[in-house]
Amino acid sequence: MKSILIKDTTREEREQIVQQALWGDCGIDCEFCSGCDNRGGGTIESIYQPYIDGEKEISEINAEYRSPFVHG
């Protein structure tokens, strides 16, 4: 399996990684989905844009997104 770290991917690869991962996760085409927005996280584009732009790793974004929902 190829690394998905920013240092190992191009912007185009990161865009594809995000789209493939999200399709596989919920099974819905993100184009017209507001599921993440309904959970208070914003649109998919805004949530994962820092990864696509090479600013934050997916793991960092996921941890930030989950933090309000994790107690203890």
PDB file of N, CA and C in Angstrom:
ATOM      1  N   MET A   1       0.844  -1.178   0.000  1.00  0.00           N
ATOM      2  CA  MET A   1       0.000   0.000   0.000  1.00  0.00           C
ATOM      3  C   MET A   1       0.893   1.247   0.000  1.00  0.00           C
ATOM      4  N   LYS A   2       0.576   2.181  -0.843  1.00  0.00           N
ATOM      5  CA  LYS A   2       1.346   3.419  -0.955  1.00  0.00           C
ATOM      6  C   LYS A   2       1.014   4.358   0.201  1.00  0.00           C
ATOM      7  N   SER A   3       2.006   5.065   0.655  1.00  0.00           N
ATOM      8  CA  SER A   3       1.835   6.034   1.730  1.00  0.00           C
ATOM      9  C   SER A   3       0.899   7.160   1.291  1.00  0.00           C
ATOM     10  N   ILE A   4       0.080   7.642   2.231  1.00  0.00           N
ATOM     11  CA  ILE A   4      -0.800   8.776   1.947  1.00  0.00           C
ATOM     12  C   ILE A   4      -0.305  10.046   2.632  1.00  0.00           C
ATOM     13  N   LEU A   5       0.903   9.989   3.184  1.00  0.00           N
ATOM     14  CA  LEU A   5       1.467  11.173   3.821  1.00  0.00           C
ATOM     15  C   LEU A   5       1.700  12.267   2.787  1.00  0.00           C
ATOM     16  N   ILE A   6       1.597  13.489   3.228  1.00  0.00           N
ATOM     17  CA  ILE A   6       1.781  14.637   2.335  1.00  0.00           C
ATOM     18  C   ILE A   6       3.118  14.558   1.608  1.00  0.00           C
ATOM     19  N   LYS A   7       4.169  14.192   2.327  1.00  0.00           N
ATOM     20  CA  LYS A   7       5.514  14.158   1.726  1.00  0.00           C
ATOM     21  C   LYS A   7       5.635  13.119   0.617  1.00  0.00           C
ATOM     22  N   ASP A   8       4.722  12.152   0.596  1.00  0.00           N
ATOM     23  CA  ASP A   8       4.786  11.062  -0.378  1.00  0.00           C
ATOM     24  C   ASP A   8       3.754  11.172  -1.498  1.00  0.00           C
ATOM     25  N   THR A   9       3.007  12.273  -1.538  1.00  0.00           N
ATOM     26  CA  THR A   9       1.921  12.399  -2.514  1.00  0.00           C
ATOM     27  C   THR A   9       1.934  13.754  -3.205  1.00  0.00           C
ATOM     28  N   THR A  10       1.327  13.792  -4.362  1.00  0.00           N
ATOM     29  CA  THR A  10       1.106  15.058  -5.066  1.00  0.00           C
ATOM     30  C   THR A  10      -0.282  15.574  -4.690  1.00  0.00           C
ATOM     31  N   ARG A  11      -0.541  16.800  -5.000  1.00  0.00           N
ATOM     32  CA  ARG A  11      -1.859  17.385  -4.738  1.00  0.00           C
ATOM     33  C   ARG A  11      -2.955  16.568  -5.420  1.00  0.00           C
ATOM     34  N   GLU A  12      -2.722  16.179  -6.658  1.00  0.00           N
ATOM     35  CA  GLU A  12      -3.712  15.406  -7.398  1.00  0.00           C
ATOM     36  C   GLU A  12      -3.975  14.061  -6.730  1.00  0.00           C
ATOM     37  N   GLU A  13      -2.919  13.437  -6.244  1.00  0.00           N
ATOM     38  CA  GLU A  13      -3.081  12.164  -5.534  1.00  0.00           C
ATOM     39  C   GLU A  13      -3.881  12.359  -4.248  1.00  0.00           C
ATOM     40  N   ARG A  14      -3.617  13.458  -3.530  1.00  0.00           N
ATOM     41  CA  ARG A  14      -4.358  13.726  -2.296  1.00  0.00           C
ATOM     42  C   ARG A  14      -5.823  13.965  -2.573  1.00  0.00           C
ATOM     43  N   GLU A  15      -6.148  14.660  -3.654  1.00  0.00           N
ATOM     44  CA  GLU A  15      -7.554  14.854  -4.028  1.00  0.00           C
ATOM     45  C   GLU A  15      -8.225  13.506  -4.277  1.00  0.00           C
ATOM     46  N   GLN A  16      -7.538  12.642  -4.987  1.00  0.00           N
ATOM     47  CA  GLN A  16      -8.071  11.319  -5.291  1.00  0.00           C
ATOM     48  C   GLN A  16      -8.203  10.471  -4.024  1.00  0.00           C
ATOM     49  N   ILE A  17      -7.234  10.551  -3.133  1.00  0.00           N
ATOM     50  CA  ILE A  17      -7.273   9.806  -1.874  1.00  0.00           C
ATOM     51  C   ILE A  17      -8.503  10.208  -1.068  1.00  0.00           C
ATOM     52  N   VAL A  18      -8.747  11.499  -0.953  1.00  0.00           N
ATOM     53  CA  VAL A  18      -9.897  11.985  -0.189  1.00  0.00           C
ATOM     54  C   VAL A  18     -11.196  11.488  -0.817  1.00  0.00           C
ATOM     55  N   GLN A  19     -11.343  11.635  -2.110  1.00  0.00           N
ATOM     56  CA  GLN A  19     -12.572  11.202  -2.766  1.00  0.00           C
ATOM     57  C   GLN A  19     -12.793   9.700  -2.633  1.00  0.00           C
ATOM     58  N   GLN A  20     -11.761   8.900  -2.826  1.00  0.00           N
ATOM     59  CA  GLN A  20     -11.894   7.447  -2.723  1.00  0.00           C
ATOM     60  C   GLN A  20     -12.212   7.024  -1.298  1.00  0.00           C
ATOM     61  N   ALA A  21     -11.572   7.636  -0.332  1.00  0.00           N
ATOM     62  CA  ALA A  21     -11.786   7.271   1.071  1.00  0.00           C
ATOM     63  C   ALA A  21     -13.205   7.604   1.506  1.00  0.00           C
ATOM     64  N   LEU A  22     -13.705   8.735   1.096  1.00  0.00           N
ATOM     65  CA  LEU A  22     -15.033   9.140   1.516  1.00  0.00           C
ATOM     66  C   LEU A  22     -16.108   8.306   0.836  1.00  0.00           C
ATOM     67  N   TRP A  23     -15.896   7.981  -0.408  1.00  0.00           N
ATOM     68  CA  TRP A  23     -16.862   7.132  -1.113  1.00  0.00           C
ATOM     69  C   TRP A  23     -16.951   5.782  -0.429  1.00  0.00           C
ATOM     70  N   GLY A  24     -15.808   5.237  -0.055  1.00  0.00           N
ATOM     71  CA  GLY A  24     -15.781   3.926   0.584  1.00  0.00           C
ATOM     72  C   GLY A  24     -16.320   3.953   2.007  1.00  0.00           C
ATOM     73  N   ASP A  25     -16.235   5.110   2.667  1.00  0.00           N
ATOM     74  CA  ASP A  25     -16.628   5.197   4.062  1.00  0.00           C
ATOM     75  C   ASP A  25     -18.138   5.185   4.241  1.00  0.00           C
ATOM     76  N   CYS A  26     -18.845   6.016   3.504  1.00  0.00           N
ATOM     77  CA  CYS A  26     -20.289   6.095   3.724  1.00  0.00           C
ATOM     78  C   CYS A  26     -21.098   5.583   2.541  1.00  0.00           C
ATOM     79  N   GLY A  27     -20.475   5.434   1.383  1.00  0.00           N
ATOM     80  CA  GLY A  27     -21.176   4.890   0.233  1.00  0.00           C
ATOM     81  C   GLY A  27     -22.031   5.885  -0.518  1.00  0.00           C
ATOM     82  N   ILE A  28     -21.903   7.150  -0.185  1.00  0.00           N
ATOM     83  CA  ILE A  28     -22.696   8.185  -0.844  1.00  0.00           C
ATOM     84  C   ILE A  28     -21.762   9.114  -1.608  1.00  0.00           C
ATOM     85  N   ASP A  29     -22.186   9.546  -2.776  1.00  0.00           N
ATOM     86  CA  ASP A  29     -21.399  10.510  -3.535  1.00  0.00           C
ATOM     87  C   ASP A  29     -21.405  11.839  -2.783  1.00  0.00           C
ATOM     88  N   CYS A  30     -20.245  12.358  -2.468  1.00  0.00           N
ATOM     89  CA  CYS A  30     -20.123  13.569  -1.651  1.00  0.00           C
ATOM     90  C   CYS A  30     -20.647  14.825  -2.351  1.00  0.00           C
ATOM     91  N   GLU A  31     -20.811  14.779  -3.645  1.00  0.00           N
ATOM     92  CA  GLU A  31     -21.174  15.984  -4.379  1.00  0.00           C
ATOM     93  C   GLU A  31     -22.430  16.646  -3.833  1.00  0.00           C
ATOM     94  N   PHE A  32     -23.427  15.864  -3.450  1.00  0.00           N
ATOM     95  CA  PHE A  32     -24.674  16.443  -2.964  1.00  0.00           C
ATOM     96  C   PHE A  32     -24.964  16.059  -1.517  1.00  0.00           C
ATOM     97  N   CYS A  33     -23.956  15.577  -0.823  1.00  0.00           N
ATOM     98  CA  CYS A  33     -24.124  15.132   0.555  1.00  0.00           C
ATOM     99  C   CYS A  33     -23.840  16.289   1.509  1.00  0.00           C
ATOM    100  N   SER A  34     -24.607  16.362   2.576  1.00  0.00           N
ATOM    101  CA  SER A  34     -24.324  17.352   3.614  1.00  0.00           C
ATOM    102  C   SER A  34     -24.137  16.670   4.957  1.00  0.00           C
ATOM    103  N   GLY A  35     -23.829  15.393   4.944  1.00  0.00           N
ATOM    104  CA  GLY A  35     -23.676  14.626   6.174  1.00  0.00           C
ATOM    105  C   GLY A  35     -22.656  15.215   7.120  1.00  0.00           C
ATOM    106  N   CYS A  36     -21.492  15.553   6.636  1.00  0.00           N
ATOM    107  CA  CYS A  36     -20.461  16.120   7.508  1.00  0.00           C
ATOM    108  C   CYS A  36     -20.862  17.501   7.977  1.00  0.00           C
ATOM    109  N   ASP A  37     -21.516  18.264   7.122  1.00  0.00           N
ATOM    110  CA  ASP A  37     -21.977  19.589   7.487  1.00  0.00           C
ATOM    111  C   ASP A  37     -23.032  19.489   8.584  1.00  0.00           C
ATOM    112  N   ASN A  38     -23.878  18.473   8.521  1.00  0.00           N
ATOM    113  CA  ASN A  38     -24.900  18.275   9.538  1.00  0.00           C
ATOM    114  C   ASN A  38     -24.298  17.937  10.901  1.00  0.00           C
ATOM    115  N   ARG A  39     -23.107  17.368  10.905  1.00  0.00           N
ATOM    116  CA  ARG A  39     -22.426  17.035  12.159  1.00  0.00           C
ATOM    117  C   ARG A  39     -21.617  18.211  12.674  1.00  0.00           C
ATOM    118  N   GLY A  40     -21.670  19.336  11.996  1.00  0.00           N
ATOM    119  CA  GLY A  40     -20.979  20.525  12.465  1.00  0.00           C
ATOM    120  C   GLY A  40     -19.558  20.667  11.977  1.00  0.00           C
ATOM    121  N   GLY A  41     -19.138  19.799  11.070  1.00  0.00           N
ATOM    122  CA  GLY A  41     -17.755  19.824  10.626  1.00  0.00           C
ATOM    123  C   GLY A  41     -17.518  20.648   9.390  1.00  0.00           C
ATOM    124  N   GLY A  42     -18.555  21.026   8.699  1.00  0.00           N
ATOM    125  CA  GLY A  42     -18.393  21.758   7.458  1.00  0.00           C
ATOM    126  C   GLY A  42     -18.476  20.813   6.273  1.00  0.00           C
ATOM    127  N   THR A  43     -18.320  21.355   5.111  1.00  0.00           N
ATOM    128  CA  THR A  43     -18.385  20.528   3.916  1.00  0.00           C
ATOM    129  C   THR A  43     -17.120  19.697   3.780  1.00  0.00           C
ATOM    130  N   ILE A  44     -17.200  18.627   3.024  1.00  0.00           N
ATOM    131  CA  ILE A  44     -16.040  17.772   2.794  1.00  0.00           C
ATOM    132  C   ILE A  44     -14.882  18.591   2.254  1.00  0.00           C
ATOM    133  N   GLU A  45     -15.175  19.476   1.334  1.00  0.00           N
ATOM    134  CA  GLU A  45     -14.115  20.284   0.745  1.00  0.00           C
ATOM    135  C   GLU A  45     -13.391  21.093   1.815  1.00  0.00           C
ATOM    136  N   SER A  46     -14.142  21.674   2.733  1.00  0.00           N
ATOM    137  CA  SER A  46     -13.494  22.497   3.751  1.00  0.00           C
ATOM    138  C   SER A  46     -12.796  21.646   4.805  1.00  0.00           C
ATOM    139  N   ILE A  47     -13.342  20.475   5.132  1.00  0.00           N
ATOM    140  CA  ILE A  47     -12.725  19.626   6.147  1.00  0.00           C
ATOM    141  C   ILE A  47     -11.361  19.120   5.689  1.00  0.00           C
ATOM    142  N   TYR A  48     -11.271  18.603   4.486  1.00  0.00           N
ATOM    143  CA  TYR A  48     -10.033  17.973   4.014  1.00  0.00           C
ATOM    144  C   TYR A  48      -9.184  18.858   3.115  1.00  0.00           C
ATOM    145  N   GLN A  49      -9.574  20.096   2.922  1.00  0.00           N
ATOM    146  CA  GLN A  49      -8.796  21.001   2.086  1.00  0.00           C
ATOM    147  C   GLN A  49      -7.374  21.201   2.606  1.00  0.00           C
ATOM    148  N   PRO A  50      -7.163  21.302   3.926  1.00  0.00           N
ATOM    149  CA  PRO A  50      -5.780  21.447   4.402  1.00  0.00           C
ATOM    150  C   PRO A  50      -4.892  20.254   4.021  1.00  0.00           C
ATOM    151  N   TYR A  51      -5.457  19.058   3.961  1.00  0.00           N
ATOM    152  CA  TYR A  51      -4.678  17.896   3.516  1.00  0.00           C
ATOM    153  C   TYR A  51      -4.375  18.019   2.035  1.00  0.00           C
ATOM    154  N   ILE A  52      -5.386  18.329   1.254  1.00  0.00           N
ATOM    155  CA  ILE A  52      -5.195  18.475  -0.192  1.00  0.00           C
ATOM    156  C   ILE A  52      -4.154  19.555  -0.477  1.00  0.00           C
ATOM    157  N   ASP A  53      -4.178  20.634   0.300  1.00  0.00           N
ATOM    158  CA  ASP A  53      -3.224  21.734   0.116  1.00  0.00           C
ATOM    159  C   ASP A  53      -1.846  21.434   0.696  1.00  0.00           C
ATOM    160  N   GLY A  54      -1.702  20.289   1.381  1.00  0.00           N
ATOM    161  CA  GLY A  54      -0.406  19.917   1.938  1.00  0.00           C
ATOM    162  C   GLY A  54      -0.083  20.580   3.256  1.00  0.00           C
ATOM    163  N   GLU A  55      -1.105  21.020   3.986  1.00  0.00           N
ATOM    164  CA  GLU A  55      -0.894  21.731   5.246  1.00  0.00           C
ATOM    165  C   GLU A  55      -1.032  20.849   6.479  1.00  0.00           C
ATOM    166  N   LYS A  56      -1.934  19.855   6.444  1.00  0.00           N
ATOM    167  CA  LYS A  56      -2.176  18.970   7.583  1.00  0.00           C
ATOM    168  C   LYS A  56      -2.372  17.554   7.076  1.00  0.00           C
ATOM    169  N   GLU A  57      -1.907  16.596   7.860  1.00  0.00           N
ATOM    170  CA  GLU A  57      -2.117  15.194   7.524  1.00  0.00           C
ATOM    171  C   GLU A  57      -3.568  14.810   7.805  1.00  0.00           C
ATOM    172  N   ILE A  58      -4.040  13.772   7.143  1.00  0.00           N
ATOM    173  CA  ILE A  58      -5.402  13.288   7.362  1.00  0.00           C
ATOM    174  C   ILE A  58      -5.619  12.935   8.832  1.00  0.00           C
ATOM    175  N   SER A  59      -4.649  12.313   9.448  1.00  0.00           N
ATOM    176  CA  SER A  59      -4.796  11.914  10.850  1.00  0.00           C
ATOM    177  C   SER A  59      -5.028  13.126  11.758  1.00  0.00           C
ATOM    178  N   GLU A  60      -4.372  14.238  11.471  1.00  0.00           N
ATOM    179  CA  GLU A  60      -4.565  15.455  12.264  1.00  0.00           C
ATOM    180  C   GLU A  60      -5.977  15.999  12.079  1.00  0.00           C
ATOM    181  N   ILE A  61      -6.433  16.026  10.845  1.00  0.00           N
ATOM    182  CA  ILE A  61      -7.776  16.535  10.547  1.00  0.00           C
ATOM    183  C   ILE A  61      -8.827  15.658  11.205  1.00  0.00           C
ATOM    184  N   ASN A  62      -8.674  14.343  11.085  1.00  0.00           N
ATOM    185  CA  ASN A  62      -9.643  13.432  11.685  1.00  0.00           C
ATOM    186  C   ASN A  62      -9.690  13.591  13.200  1.00  0.00           C
ATOM    187  N   ALA A  63      -8.541  13.755  13.840  1.00  0.00           N
ATOM    188  CA  ALA A  63      -8.489  13.939  15.295  1.00  0.00           C
ATOM    189  C   ALA A  63      -9.201  15.233  15.701  1.00  0.00           C
ATOM    190  N   GLU A  64      -8.982  16.304  14.959  1.00  0.00           N
ATOM    191  CA  GLU A  64      -9.643  17.576  15.249  1.00  0.00           C
ATOM    192  C   GLU A  64     -11.151  17.463  15.057  1.00  0.00           C
ATOM    193  N   TYR A  65     -11.568  16.756  14.025  1.00  0.00           N
ATOM    194  CA  TYR A  65     -12.991  16.609  13.728  1.00  0.00           C
ATOM    195  C   TYR A  65     -13.686  15.780  14.811  1.00  0.00           C
ATOM    196  N   ARG A  66     -13.006  14.743  15.307  1.00  0.00           N
ATOM    197  CA  ARG A  66     -13.597  13.864  16.318  1.00  0.00           C
ATOM    198  C   ARG A  66     -13.572  14.449  17.715  1.00  0.00           C
ATOM    199  N   SER A  67     -12.669  15.343  18.000  1.00  0.00           N
ATOM    200  CA  SER A  67     -12.441  15.807  19.376  1.00  0.00           C
ATOM    201  C   SER A  67     -13.702  16.309  20.092  1.00  0.00           C
ATOM    202  N   PRO A  68     -14.610  17.021  19.451  1.00  0.00           N
ATOM    203  CA  PRO A  68     -15.808  17.442  20.194  1.00  0.00           C
ATOM    204  C   PRO A  68     -16.743  16.276  20.544  1.00  0.00           C
ATOM    205  N   PHE A  69     -16.583  15.159  19.879  1.00  0.00           N
ATOM    206  CA  PHE A  69     -17.466  14.026  20.084  1.00  0.00           C
ATOM    207  C   PHE A  69     -16.898  12.987  21.038  1.00  0.00           C
ATOM    208  N   VAL A  70     -15.634  13.131  21.413  1.00  0.00           N
ATOM    209  CA  VAL A  70     -14.959  12.164  22.279  1.00  0.00           C
ATOM    210  C   VAL A  70     -14.877  12.746  23.682  1.00  0.00           C
ATOM    211  N   HIS A  71     -15.390  11.999  24.631  1.00  0.00           N
ATOM    212  CA  HIS A  71     -15.363  12.444  26.026  1.00  0.00           C
ATOM    213  C   HIS A  71     -14.583  11.436  26.851  1.00  0.00           C
ATOM    214  N   GLY A  72     -13.867  11.928  27.820  1.00  0.00           N
ATOM    215  CA  GLY A  72     -13.201  11.006  28.731  1.00  0.00           C
ATOM    216  C   GLY A  72     -11.779  11.160  28.693  1.00  0.00           C
TER     217      GLY A  72
END
